[in-house]
């Protein structure tokens, strides 16, 4: 079954892998080269935050254009612009320029994933969707790992790194141009404003925002944290790999457990492990085994709260509301990711590298307190009332394409 899913979606899986290699590589280049241009940790946080600002903007504004110009042309345009923007980093070596460029890059990345994840939804069904999405998450995480190891291809201050990141993005365009998908007609999903979403499940909404603060910190400042510890570029890549490998290992057991009991109890357990792991990363010396054990648990849990929140929200929704709800949850996740790098970099400017994991620890304490409060306010659902957990994806964009877009693209074949 997994081979069949891969054959059917390899174009999309390859594109997702290479784009994540490029994004992780690009984030790493920024963090490694920033000291050569006298940029502070706070400045790196601003630049990293800019990417999530652009991603959030794309979620708000790009969907309507996908319906107009079609997914293939949208993907090609966003990938091309993103590649140009990445190369432009080698010519602009000041903080304001990098912030502006990263906003545009994040905007393009959002457009790319709108197309990829929408097509993944079209190519999957209720019998294989869990496998397709699980494979997708593994591919995304593998891309992050490879992106960090790619930092070792050149010297830290070599501007050719930006060109290589752009090349990775451009490599995805040709396979995507070969895609030929007949999009099923679907009814417009029911609208789901944020206020109604909060009334439906306050825990899912609040925790979604809070948990993505930690995810944004890891993605945006992980290499900076490693460098402040005195790690080499290779050791920095090893540190990030431990985090992402732990994510792959712990995703399925956590998700399986959440199908068997109150998801909020599972979220509390995950948050407690995240709290202990982040405190351990701050407390133990990097050369001790306890540091790496703590890092493993921090990495395995910091990205696991996102799918749990999405699954918890879906438990209270009917099918015609889930698409709109997923879009709103993505906006919350993007907003949280924006807050993470800027918050942690401010703390790190004052107290040093320990601010990285201590910021995650404080955010996790708030999550635990709020979940305990919500469990006093509402009883959990019975096991047979919970929906099957398919929400493994790191960014749940599901956009049905219009007849007009499909017709235009078919005419161009």
Protein backbone atom coordinates (compact mmCIF):
# COMPACT_ATOMS: atom_id res chain seq x y z
CA UNK A 1 0.00 0.00 0.00
CA UNK A 2 2.76 2.46 0.87
CA UNK A 3 4.48 1.68 -2.48
CA UNK A 4 1.22 2.38 -4.30
CA UNK A 5 0.81 5.67 -2.45
CA UNK A 6 4.37 6.66 -3.33
CA UNK A 7 3.92 5.82 -7.03
CA UNK A 8 0.78 7.93 -7.20
CA UNK A 9 2.20 10.94 -5.40
CA UNK A 10 5.95 10.83 -6.10
CA UNK A 11 5.88 14.16 -7.97
CA UNK A 12 4.44 15.89 -4.92
CA UNK A 13 6.58 14.02 -2.41
CA UNK A 14 9.73 14.87 -4.39
CA UNK A 15 8.71 18.53 -4.64
CA UNK A 16 7.95 18.70 -0.90
CA UNK A 17 11.28 17.04 -0.06
CA UNK A 18 13.38 19.38 -2.21
CA UNK A 19 11.54 22.50 -1.08
CA UNK A 20 12.07 21.54 2.57
CA UNK A 21 15.75 20.85 1.85
CA UNK A 22 15.95 24.36 0.39
CA UNK A 23 14.03 26.02 3.23
CA UNK A 24 16.00 24.27 5.99
CA UNK A 25 19.23 24.99 4.12
CA UNK A 26 18.25 28.63 3.65
CA UNK A 27 17.36 29.05 7.33
CA UNK A 28 20.70 27.51 8.24
CA UNK A 29 22.66 29.76 5.85
CA UNK A 30 21.06 32.85 7.36
CA UNK A 31 21.95 31.76 10.90
CA UNK A 32 25.52 30.77 9.99
CA UNK A 33 26.37 33.79 7.85
CA UNK A 34 24.68 36.43 10.04
CA UNK A 35 27.74 36.81 12.37
CA UNK A 36 29.96 37.56 9.36
CA UNK A 37 27.79 40.63 8.71
CA UNK A 38 27.75 41.67 12.40
CA UNK A 39 24.11 40.65 12.88
CA UNK A 40 23.00 39.94 16.45
CA UNK A 41 20.90 36.99 17.63
CA UNK A 42 17.94 39.36 17.83
CA UNK A 43 18.48 40.32 14.17
CA UNK A 44 18.51 36.65 13.18
CA UNK A 45 15.21 36.26 15.04
CA UNK A 46 13.73 39.15 13.07
CA UNK A 47 14.83 37.65 9.76
CA UNK A 48 13.45 34.23 10.69
CA UNK A 49 10.17 35.79 11.81
CA UNK A 50 9.90 37.53 8.43
CA UNK A 51 9.57 34.16 6.69
CA UNK A 52 6.53 33.26 8.79
CA UNK A 53 5.02 36.70 8.20
CA UNK A 54 5.17 36.03 4.47
CA UNK A 55 3.80 32.51 4.90
CA UNK A 56 0.86 33.87 6.89
CA UNK A 57 0.17 36.48 4.22
CA UNK A 58 0.09 33.81 1.52
CA UNK A 59 -2.50 31.83 3.48
CA UNK A 60 -4.68 34.94 3.64
CA UNK A 61 -4.37 36.17 0.07
CA UNK A 62 -3.07 33.49 -2.30
CA UNK A 63 -5.94 31.00 -2.17
CA UNK A 64 -8.19 33.19 -4.35
CA UNK A 65 -5.49 33.40 -7.04
CA UNK A 66 -5.05 29.62 -7.15
CA UNK A 67 -8.68 29.39 -8.24
CA UNK A 68 -8.08 31.96 -10.97
CA UNK A 69 -4.75 31.05 -12.57
CA UNK A 70 -4.55 27.35 -11.80
CA UNK A 71 -2.28 25.28 -9.55
CA UNK A 72 0.49 24.40 -12.04
CA UNK A 73 1.13 27.99 -13.02
CA UNK A 74 0.84 29.07 -9.38
CA UNK A 75 3.45 26.52 -8.33
CA UNK A 76 5.84 27.39 -11.16
CA UNK A 77 5.57 31.13 -10.49
CA UNK A 78 6.06 30.81 -6.73
CA UNK A 79 9.03 28.42 -7.12
CA UNK A 80 10.72 30.68 -9.67
CA UNK A 81 10.30 33.82 -7.57
CA UNK A 82 11.45 31.98 -4.44
CA UNK A 83 14.62 30.86 -6.23
CA UNK A 84 15.37 34.42 -7.37
CA UNK A 85 14.77 35.77 -3.86
CA UNK A 86 17.11 33.15 -2.38
CA UNK A 87 19.93 34.18 -4.73
CA UNK A 88 19.28 37.85 -3.90
CA UNK A 89 20.37 37.17 -0.31
CA UNK A 90 23.97 36.92 -1.53
CA UNK A 91 23.84 40.50 -2.84
CA UNK A 92 22.00 42.12 0.09
CA UNK A 93 23.98 41.83 3.32
CA UNK A 94 22.05 43.94 5.82
CA UNK A 95 19.18 43.18 8.18
CA UNK A 96 16.42 45.28 6.50
CA UNK A 97 17.13 43.71 3.11
CA UNK A 98 17.12 40.17 4.51
CA UNK A 99 13.84 40.84 6.33
CA UNK A 100 12.18 42.10 3.15
CA UNK A 101 13.52 39.21 1.08
CA UNK A 102 12.46 36.62 3.64
CA UNK A 103 8.91 37.99 3.74
CA UNK A 104 8.68 37.46 -0.02
CA UNK A 105 10.31 34.03 0.32
CA UNK A 106 7.83 32.97 3.00
CA UNK A 107 4.97 34.21 0.81
CA UNK A 108 6.20 32.04 -2.07
CA UNK A 109 6.69 29.04 0.23
CA UNK A 110 3.08 29.34 1.33
CA UNK A 111 1.92 29.29 -2.28
CA UNK A 112 4.04 26.23 -3.01
CA UNK A 113 2.55 24.25 -0.15
CA UNK A 114 -1.01 25.31 -0.97
CA UNK A 115 -0.60 23.50 -4.30
CA UNK A 116 1.29 20.47 -2.95
CA UNK A 117 -1.08 19.73 -0.10
CA UNK A 118 -4.22 20.36 -2.13
CA UNK A 119 -3.08 17.84 -4.73
CA UNK A 120 -2.14 15.32 -2.04
CA UNK A 121 -5.70 15.58 -0.82
CA UNK A 122 -7.02 14.95 -4.36
CA UNK A 123 -4.78 11.90 -4.85
CA UNK A 124 -5.75 10.22 -1.58
CA UNK A 125 -8.94 8.70 -0.24
CA UNK A 126 -10.27 7.47 3.08
CA UNK A 127 -8.51 4.13 2.60
CA UNK A 128 -5.00 5.51 2.08
CA UNK A 129 -5.04 9.11 3.32
CA UNK A 130 -3.37 8.22 6.60
CA UNK A 131 -0.51 6.49 4.75
CA UNK A 132 -0.15 9.31 2.20
CA UNK A 133 -0.01 12.01 4.86
CA UNK A 134 2.26 9.97 7.13
CA UNK A 135 4.64 9.49 4.17
CA UNK A 136 4.40 13.22 3.49
CA UNK A 137 5.47 14.07 7.05
CA UNK A 138 8.42 11.66 6.84
CA UNK A 139 9.44 13.26 3.53
CA UNK A 140 9.20 16.77 5.01
CA UNK A 141 11.26 15.82 8.03
CA UNK A 142 13.86 14.05 5.87
CA UNK A 143 14.10 17.26 3.84
CA UNK A 144 14.81 19.27 6.97
CA UNK A 145 17.54 16.84 8.00
CA UNK A 146 19.19 16.91 4.57
CA UNK A 147 18.93 20.69 4.41
CA UNK A 148 20.92 21.07 7.61
CA UNK A 149 23.63 18.63 6.48
CA UNK A 150 23.92 20.51 3.18
CA UNK A 151 25.43 23.37 5.20
CA UNK A 152 28.68 21.39 5.16
CA UNK A 153 29.07 21.56 1.37
CA UNK A 154 30.73 25.01 1.47
CA UNK A 155 32.60 27.20 3.93
CA UNK A 156 30.34 29.06 6.34
CA UNK A 157 30.85 32.44 4.62
CA UNK A 158 30.59 31.17 1.02
CA UNK A 159 27.79 33.05 -0.78
CA UNK A 160 27.40 30.17 -3.27
CA UNK A 161 25.27 28.47 -0.65
CA UNK A 162 22.34 30.72 -1.56
CA UNK A 163 22.63 29.67 -5.21
CA UNK A 164 22.57 25.99 -4.25
CA UNK A 165 19.40 26.54 -2.20
CA UNK A 166 17.80 28.20 -5.23
CA UNK A 167 18.82 25.25 -7.41
CA UNK A 168 17.03 22.83 -5.08
CA UNK A 169 13.81 24.82 -5.52
CA UNK A 170 14.11 25.00 -9.31
CA UNK A 171 14.62 21.23 -9.51
CA UNK A 172 11.01 20.72 -8.42
CA UNK A 173 9.36 22.62 -11.27
CA UNK A 174 9.79 20.06 -14.08
CA UNK A 175 8.20 17.08 -12.20
CA UNK A 176 5.28 19.29 -11.19
CA UNK A 177 4.71 20.31 -14.81
CA UNK A 178 4.10 16.64 -15.66
CA UNK A 179 1.21 16.38 -13.20
CA UNK A 180 -2.19 15.72 -14.77
CA UNK A 181 -4.89 15.59 -12.12
CA UNK A 182 -8.61 15.69 -12.73
CA UNK A 183 -9.98 17.56 -9.76
CA UNK A 184 -13.28 16.30 -8.42
CA UNK A 185 -16.09 18.78 -8.17
CA UNK A 186 -16.84 19.58 -4.55
CA UNK A 187 -19.28 21.76 -2.72
CA UNK A 188 -17.97 24.91 -1.16
CA UNK A 189 -17.01 24.15 2.43
CA UNK A 190 -18.96 25.90 5.17
CA UNK A 191 -17.25 29.00 6.50
CA UNK A 192 -15.68 28.76 9.93
CA UNK A 193 -14.69 32.12 11.48
CA UNK A 194 -12.14 32.09 14.26
CA UNK A 195 -14.72 33.10 16.87
CA UNK A 196 -16.86 30.06 16.06
CA UNK A 197 -13.76 27.88 16.02
CA UNK A 198 -12.86 29.08 19.52
CA UNK A 199 -16.39 28.44 20.74
CA UNK A 200 -16.18 24.91 19.29
CA UNK A 201 -12.88 23.99 20.94
CA UNK A 202 -11.04 26.66 22.96
CA UNK A 203 -8.26 24.21 23.84
CA UNK A 204 -7.42 23.40 20.21
CA UNK A 205 -7.33 27.08 19.22
CA UNK A 206 -5.20 28.32 22.12
CA UNK A 207 -2.80 25.38 22.16
CA UNK A 208 -2.35 25.56 18.38
CA UNK A 209 -1.04 29.12 18.69
CA UNK A 210 1.12 28.38 21.74
CA UNK A 211 2.69 25.14 20.51
CA UNK A 212 3.77 26.73 17.23
CA UNK A 213 5.79 29.30 19.17
CA UNK A 214 8.11 26.45 20.16
CA UNK A 215 8.14 25.01 16.65
CA UNK A 216 9.06 28.44 15.25
CA UNK A 217 11.90 28.74 17.74
CA UNK A 218 13.39 25.38 16.71
CA UNK A 219 13.04 26.04 12.98
CA UNK A 220 14.21 29.64 13.10
CA UNK A 221 16.97 29.56 15.73
CA UNK A 222 18.12 25.94 16.08
CA UNK A 223 21.40 26.46 14.22
CA UNK A 224 22.02 29.74 16.08
CA UNK A 225 21.57 27.86 19.37
CA UNK A 226 24.07 25.22 18.28
CA UNK A 227 26.61 27.84 17.21
CA UNK A 228 26.27 29.64 20.56
CA UNK A 229 27.11 26.31 22.20
CA UNK A 230 30.36 26.35 20.22
CA UNK A 231 29.35 23.58 17.81
CA UNK A 232 30.88 23.22 14.36
CA UNK A 233 28.60 23.33 11.31
CA UNK A 234 28.57 19.52 11.17
CA UNK A 235 27.75 19.22 14.88
CA UNK A 236 25.02 21.83 14.43
CA UNK A 237 23.50 19.67 11.70
CA UNK A 238 23.74 16.66 14.02
CA UNK A 239 21.88 18.57 16.73
CA UNK A 240 19.06 19.47 14.35
CA UNK A 241 18.94 15.90 13.04
CA UNK A 242 18.38 14.54 16.55
CA UNK A 243 15.38 16.85 16.86
CA UNK A 244 13.84 15.84 13.54
CA UNK A 245 14.56 12.11 13.86
CA UNK A 246 12.86 12.19 17.26
CA UNK A 247 9.88 13.83 15.56
CA UNK A 248 9.56 10.93 13.12
CA UNK A 249 9.95 8.28 15.83
CA UNK A 250 7.41 9.76 18.25
CA UNK A 251 4.69 10.93 15.83
CA UNK A 252 2.89 7.64 15.34
CA UNK A 253 2.89 6.35 18.97
CA UNK A 254 1.58 9.69 20.21
CA UNK A 255 -1.11 9.79 17.53
CA UNK A 256 -2.14 6.19 18.20
CA UNK A 257 -2.44 6.89 21.93
CA UNK A 258 -4.57 9.96 21.26
CA UNK A 259 -7.09 7.77 19.41
CA UNK A 260 -7.50 5.65 22.53
CA UNK A 261 -8.21 8.28 25.19
CA UNK A 262 -9.02 11.94 25.81
CA UNK A 263 -6.69 13.81 23.45
CA UNK A 264 -6.21 16.56 26.01
CA UNK A 265 -4.67 14.04 28.41
CA UNK A 266 -2.25 13.02 25.68
CA UNK A 267 -1.46 16.68 24.98
CA UNK A 268 -0.70 17.22 28.67
CA UNK A 269 1.61 14.18 28.66
CA UNK A 270 3.39 15.43 25.53
CA UNK A 271 3.68 18.92 27.03
CA UNK A 272 5.18 17.54 30.25
CA UNK A 273 7.81 15.65 28.23
CA UNK A 274 8.49 18.81 26.24
CA UNK A 275 8.87 20.82 29.45
CA UNK A 276 11.29 18.32 30.99
CA UNK A 277 13.25 18.05 27.76
CA UNK A 278 13.59 21.80 27.26
CA UNK A 279 14.64 22.35 30.89
CA UNK A 280 17.18 19.53 30.52
CA UNK A 281 18.63 21.11 27.37
CA UNK A 282 19.14 24.33 29.35
CA UNK A 283 20.57 22.63 32.43
CA UNK A 284 22.88 19.86 31.18
CA UNK A 285 26.21 20.48 29.47
CA UNK A 286 26.31 19.63 25.73
CA UNK A 287 29.02 17.02 26.22
CA UNK A 288 26.87 14.92 28.58
CA UNK A 289 24.47 12.14 27.48
CA UNK A 290 21.64 13.75 29.46
CA UNK A 291 21.80 16.80 27.19
CA UNK A 292 21.21 14.67 24.09
CA UNK A 293 18.48 12.62 25.79
CA UNK A 294 16.75 15.85 26.77
CA UNK A 295 17.17 17.17 23.23
CA UNK A 296 15.59 13.98 21.84
CA UNK A 297 12.50 14.35 24.01
CA UNK A 298 12.25 18.06 23.28
CA UNK A 299 12.50 17.41 19.55
CA UNK A 300 10.08 14.50 19.57
CA UNK A 301 7.36 16.50 21.32
CA UNK A 302 7.74 20.10 20.13
CA UNK A 303 6.24 19.23 16.72
CA UNK A 304 3.74 16.64 18.03
CA UNK A 305 1.25 19.04 19.60
CA UNK A 306 0.26 20.49 16.22
CA UNK A 307 -1.44 17.34 14.80
CA UNK A 308 -2.98 16.62 18.20
CA UNK A 309 -4.62 20.07 18.20
CA UNK A 310 -5.91 19.58 14.69
CA UNK A 311 -7.28 16.12 15.54
CA UNK A 312 -8.92 17.48 18.73
CA UNK A 313 -10.62 20.22 16.74
CA UNK A 314 -11.84 17.75 14.10
CA UNK A 315 -13.52 15.69 16.83
CA UNK A 316 -16.08 18.46 17.22
CA UNK A 317 -16.64 19.27 13.53
CA UNK A 318 -18.71 17.84 10.71
CA UNK A 319 -17.12 17.07 7.34
CA UNK A 320 -18.30 20.26 5.63
CA UNK A 321 -16.59 22.41 8.28
CA UNK A 322 -13.17 20.74 8.44
CA UNK A 323 -11.61 22.35 5.38
CA UNK A 324 -12.42 25.87 6.56
CA UNK A 325 -11.35 24.99 10.10
CA UNK A 326 -8.01 23.64 8.85
CA UNK A 327 -7.37 26.95 7.10
CA UNK A 328 -8.07 28.90 10.28
CA UNK A 329 -5.87 26.58 12.31
CA UNK A 330 -3.07 27.10 9.81
CA UNK A 331 -3.36 30.86 10.29
CA UNK A 332 -3.06 30.37 14.05
CA UNK A 333 -0.04 28.11 13.55
CA UNK A 334 1.61 30.70 11.29
CA UNK A 335 0.98 33.43 13.84
CA UNK A 336 2.55 31.32 16.58
CA UNK A 337 5.55 30.53 14.37
CA UNK A 338 6.01 34.27 13.84
CA UNK A 339 6.14 34.88 17.57
CA UNK A 340 8.68 32.14 18.32
CA UNK A 341 11.95 33.41 16.80
CA UNK A 342 11.46 37.03 17.80
CA UNK A 343 10.57 36.10 21.40
CA UNK A 344 13.40 33.60 21.90
CA UNK A 345 16.02 35.79 20.20
CA UNK A 346 15.12 38.66 22.55
CA UNK A 347 15.59 36.39 25.58
CA UNK A 348 18.82 34.95 24.15
CA UNK A 349 20.21 38.45 23.69
CA UNK A 350 19.96 38.93 27.46
CA UNK A 351 20.73 35.53 28.99
CA UNK A 352 22.58 33.69 26.20
CA UNK A 353 21.96 30.30 24.59
CA UNK A 354 19.81 29.01 27.49
CA UNK A 355 17.10 31.42 26.35
CA UNK A 356 16.45 29.09 23.41
CA UNK A 357 15.04 26.19 25.40
CA UNK A 358 13.86 28.20 28.42
CA UNK A 359 11.50 30.17 26.17
CA UNK A 360 10.08 26.85 24.96
CA UNK A 361 9.78 25.73 28.60
CA UNK A 362 7.79 28.81 29.65
CA UNK A 363 5.46 28.50 26.65
CA UNK A 364 4.95 24.80 27.50
CA UNK A 365 4.07 25.59 31.12
CA UNK A 366 1.30 27.88 29.86
CA UNK A 367 0.03 25.05 27.64
CA UNK A 368 -0.14 22.62 30.59
CA UNK A 369 -1.95 25.12 32.82
CA UNK A 370 -4.50 25.97 30.15
CA UNK A 371 -5.19 22.32 29.32
CA UNK A 372 -5.76 21.52 32.99
CA UNK A 373 -8.18 24.45 33.17
CA UNK A 374 -10.10 23.31 30.07
CA UNK A 375 -10.41 19.76 31.39
CA UNK A 376 -12.24 21.21 34.37
CA UNK A 377 -14.60 23.09 32.07
CA UNK A 378 -15.53 20.30 29.60
CA UNK A 379 -15.60 16.53 29.80
CA UNK A 380 -13.64 14.59 27.21
CA UNK A 381 -15.28 12.72 24.34
CA UNK A 382 -15.80 9.00 24.53
CA UNK A 383 -13.39 6.98 22.39
CA UNK A 384 -16.08 6.08 19.80
CA UNK A 385 -16.95 9.76 19.42
CA UNK A 386 -13.43 10.72 18.35
CA UNK A 387 -12.71 10.82 14.63
CA UNK A 388 -9.93 8.78 13.06
CA UNK A 389 -6.71 10.78 13.32
CA UNK A 390 -5.48 11.68 9.82
CA UNK A 391 -3.95 15.00 10.83
CA UNK A 392 -0.26 14.23 10.57
CA UNK A 393 0.57 17.08 8.21
CA UNK A 394 2.62 20.01 9.39
CA UNK A 395 0.49 22.50 7.48
CA UNK A 396 -3.07 21.38 6.68
CA UNK A 397 -3.85 23.23 3.43
CA UNK A 398 -6.66 21.63 1.50
CA UNK A 399 -7.91 23.82 -1.33
CA UNK A 400 -10.40 22.40 -3.89
CA UNK A 401 -9.68 23.88 -7.32
CA UNK A 402 -12.38 25.52 -9.40
CA UNK A 403 -13.67 24.37 -12.77
CA UNK A 404 -12.22 27.47 -14.37
CA UNK A 405 -8.69 26.75 -13.21
CA UNK A 406 -8.95 23.11 -14.27
CA UNK A 407 -10.30 24.03 -17.69
CA UNK A 408 -7.57 26.61 -18.29
CA UNK A 409 -4.79 24.18 -17.41
CA UNK A 410 -6.29 21.40 -19.53
CA UNK A 411 -6.38 23.77 -22.49
CA UNK A 412 -2.65 24.44 -22.08
CA UNK A 413 -1.62 20.77 -22.13
